[in-house]
């Protein structure tokens, strides 16, 4: 079985519970969407990822912002056209 990753944040989505609204066809994870499956704003997702990096990796805010911005630039949803 192939594990999909969220097109917004890169989180592995290993089960339906990880997908927006439990829908395995959704390209986004439950963390990047509202309860009804709508993609959150780029800024909301950026802030969530900054907090995640600070809490899980012990980064300073500045380090987490830099890592998040580099990471999001690689995600399909946020690539510049």
C-alpha atoms as a PDB file:
ATOM      1  CA  UNK A   1       0.000   0.000   0.000  1.00  0.00           C
ATOM      2  CA  UNK A   2       1.290   3.437  -0.934  1.00  0.00           C
ATOM      3  CA  UNK A   3       1.153   6.075   1.783  1.00  0.00           C
ATOM      4  CA  UNK A   4      -0.040   9.437   0.497  1.00  0.00           C
ATOM      5  CA  UNK A   5       1.363  12.662   1.861  1.00  0.00           C
ATOM      6  CA  UNK A   6      -0.511  15.893   2.447  1.00  0.00           C
ATOM      7  CA  UNK A   7      -0.006  18.287  -0.480  1.00  0.00           C
ATOM      8  CA  UNK A   8       0.012  21.194   1.966  1.00  0.00           C
ATOM      9  CA  UNK A   9       2.288  20.096   4.827  1.00  0.00           C
ATOM     10  CA  UNK A  10       3.822  16.761   3.801  1.00  0.00           C
ATOM     11  CA  UNK A  11       2.351  14.720   6.652  1.00  0.00           C
ATOM     12  CA  UNK A  12       2.111  10.991   5.846  1.00  0.00           C
ATOM     13  CA  UNK A  13      -1.558  10.013   5.651  1.00  0.00           C
ATOM     14  CA  UNK A  14      -1.543   6.338   6.598  1.00  0.00           C
ATOM     15  CA  UNK A  15      -5.239   5.890   7.347  1.00  0.00           C
ATOM     16  CA  UNK A  16      -8.568   7.514   6.423  1.00  0.00           C
ATOM     17  CA  UNK A  17      -8.512   9.326   9.790  1.00  0.00           C
ATOM     18  CA  UNK A  18      -5.454  11.282   8.628  1.00  0.00           C
ATOM     19  CA  UNK A  19      -7.235  12.612   5.520  1.00  0.00           C
ATOM     20  CA  UNK A  20      -9.555  15.635   5.538  1.00  0.00           C
ATOM     21  CA  UNK A  21     -13.058  14.448   6.509  1.00  0.00           C
ATOM     22  CA  UNK A  22     -11.784  10.855   6.486  1.00  0.00           C
ATOM     23  CA  UNK A  23     -11.862  10.957   2.674  1.00  0.00           C
ATOM     24  CA  UNK A  24      -8.887   9.041   1.270  1.00  0.00           C
ATOM     25  CA  UNK A  25      -9.270  10.948  -2.007  1.00  0.00           C
ATOM     26  CA  UNK A  26      -8.537  14.254  -0.282  1.00  0.00           C
ATOM     27  CA  UNK A  27      -5.000  15.502  -0.989  1.00  0.00           C
ATOM     28  CA  UNK A  28      -4.920  17.260   2.401  1.00  0.00           C
ATOM     29  CA  UNK A  29      -4.548  16.040   5.972  1.00  0.00           C
ATOM     30  CA  UNK A  30      -6.913  16.643   8.839  1.00  0.00           C
ATOM     31  CA  UNK A  31      -4.528  19.261  10.303  1.00  0.00           C
ATOM     32  CA  UNK A  32      -4.507  21.439   7.165  1.00  0.00           C
ATOM     33  CA  UNK A  33      -8.272  21.563   6.755  1.00  0.00           C
ATOM     34  CA  UNK A  34     -11.302  22.802   8.623  1.00  0.00           C
ATOM     35  CA  UNK A  35     -13.728  20.227  10.084  1.00  0.00           C
ATOM     36  CA  UNK A  36     -15.740  20.353   6.834  1.00  0.00           C
ATOM     37  CA  UNK A  37     -12.649  19.667   4.676  1.00  0.00           C
ATOM     38  CA  UNK A  38     -11.815  23.168   3.411  1.00  0.00           C
ATOM     39  CA  UNK A  39      -8.098  23.937   3.160  1.00  0.00           C
ATOM     40  CA  UNK A  40      -6.979  26.435   5.804  1.00  0.00           C
ATOM     41  CA  UNK A  41      -5.128  29.576   4.743  1.00  0.00           C
ATOM     42  CA  UNK A  42      -1.418  29.454   4.031  1.00  0.00           C
ATOM     43  CA  UNK A  43      -0.780  31.626   7.088  1.00  0.00           C
ATOM     44  CA  UNK A  44      -2.788  29.326   9.394  1.00  0.00           C
ATOM     45  CA  UNK A  45      -0.904  26.270   8.181  1.00  0.00           C
ATOM     46  CA  UNK A  46       2.429  28.106   8.405  1.00  0.00           C
ATOM     47  CA  UNK A  47       1.744  29.014  12.034  1.00  0.00           C
ATOM     48  CA  UNK A  48       0.764  25.416  12.867  1.00  0.00           C
ATOM     49  CA  UNK A  49       3.994  24.121  11.330  1.00  0.00           C
ATOM     50  CA  UNK A  50       6.085  26.720  13.175  1.00  0.00           C
ATOM     51  CA  UNK A  51       4.530  25.637  16.484  1.00  0.00           C
ATOM     52  CA  UNK A  52       5.060  21.971  15.568  1.00  0.00           C
ATOM     53  CA  UNK A  53       8.767  22.532  14.847  1.00  0.00           C
ATOM     54  CA  UNK A  54       9.254  24.526  18.044  1.00  0.00           C
ATOM     55  CA  UNK A  55       7.505  21.953  20.239  1.00  0.00           C
ATOM     56  CA  UNK A  56       8.709  18.722  18.649  1.00  0.00           C
ATOM     57  CA  UNK A  57      12.235  19.748  17.645  1.00  0.00           C
ATOM     58  CA  UNK A  58      12.978  22.360  20.305  1.00  0.00           C
ATOM     59  CA  UNK A  59      13.693  25.085  17.760  1.00  0.00           C
ATOM     60  CA  UNK A  60      13.611  28.787  18.432  1.00  0.00           C
ATOM     61  CA  UNK A  61      10.847  30.741  16.701  1.00  0.00           C
ATOM     62  CA  UNK A  62      13.329  32.098  14.160  1.00  0.00           C
ATOM     63  CA  UNK A  63      14.706  28.620  13.362  1.00  0.00           C
ATOM     64  CA  UNK A  64      11.196  27.197  13.076  1.00  0.00           C
ATOM     65  CA  UNK A  65      10.081  29.999  10.746  1.00  0.00           C
ATOM     66  CA  UNK A  66      13.058  29.397   8.457  1.00  0.00           C
ATOM     67  CA  UNK A  67      12.530  25.618   8.393  1.00  0.00           C
ATOM     68  CA  UNK A  68       8.789  26.022   7.811  1.00  0.00           C
ATOM     69  CA  UNK A  69       9.233  28.491   4.954  1.00  0.00           C
ATOM     70  CA  UNK A  70      11.784  26.218   3.253  1.00  0.00           C
ATOM     71  CA  UNK A  71       9.510  23.194   3.721  1.00  0.00           C
ATOM     72  CA  UNK A  72       6.323  24.885   2.512  1.00  0.00           C
ATOM     73  CA  UNK A  73       8.075  26.151  -0.629  1.00  0.00           C
ATOM     74  CA  UNK A  74       8.524  22.489  -1.620  1.00  0.00           C
ATOM     75  CA  UNK A  75       4.902  21.485  -1.031  1.00  0.00           C
ATOM     76  CA  UNK A  76       2.757  21.244  -4.195  1.00  0.00           C
ATOM     77  CA  UNK A  77      -0.042  23.390  -2.757  1.00  0.00           C
ATOM     78  CA  UNK A  78       2.255  26.331  -2.015  1.00  0.00           C
ATOM     79  CA  UNK A  79       4.676  26.339  -4.936  1.00  0.00           C
ATOM     80  CA  UNK A  80       4.879  29.608  -6.798  1.00  0.00           C
ATOM     81  CA  UNK A  81       3.395  29.584 -10.264  1.00  0.00           C
END
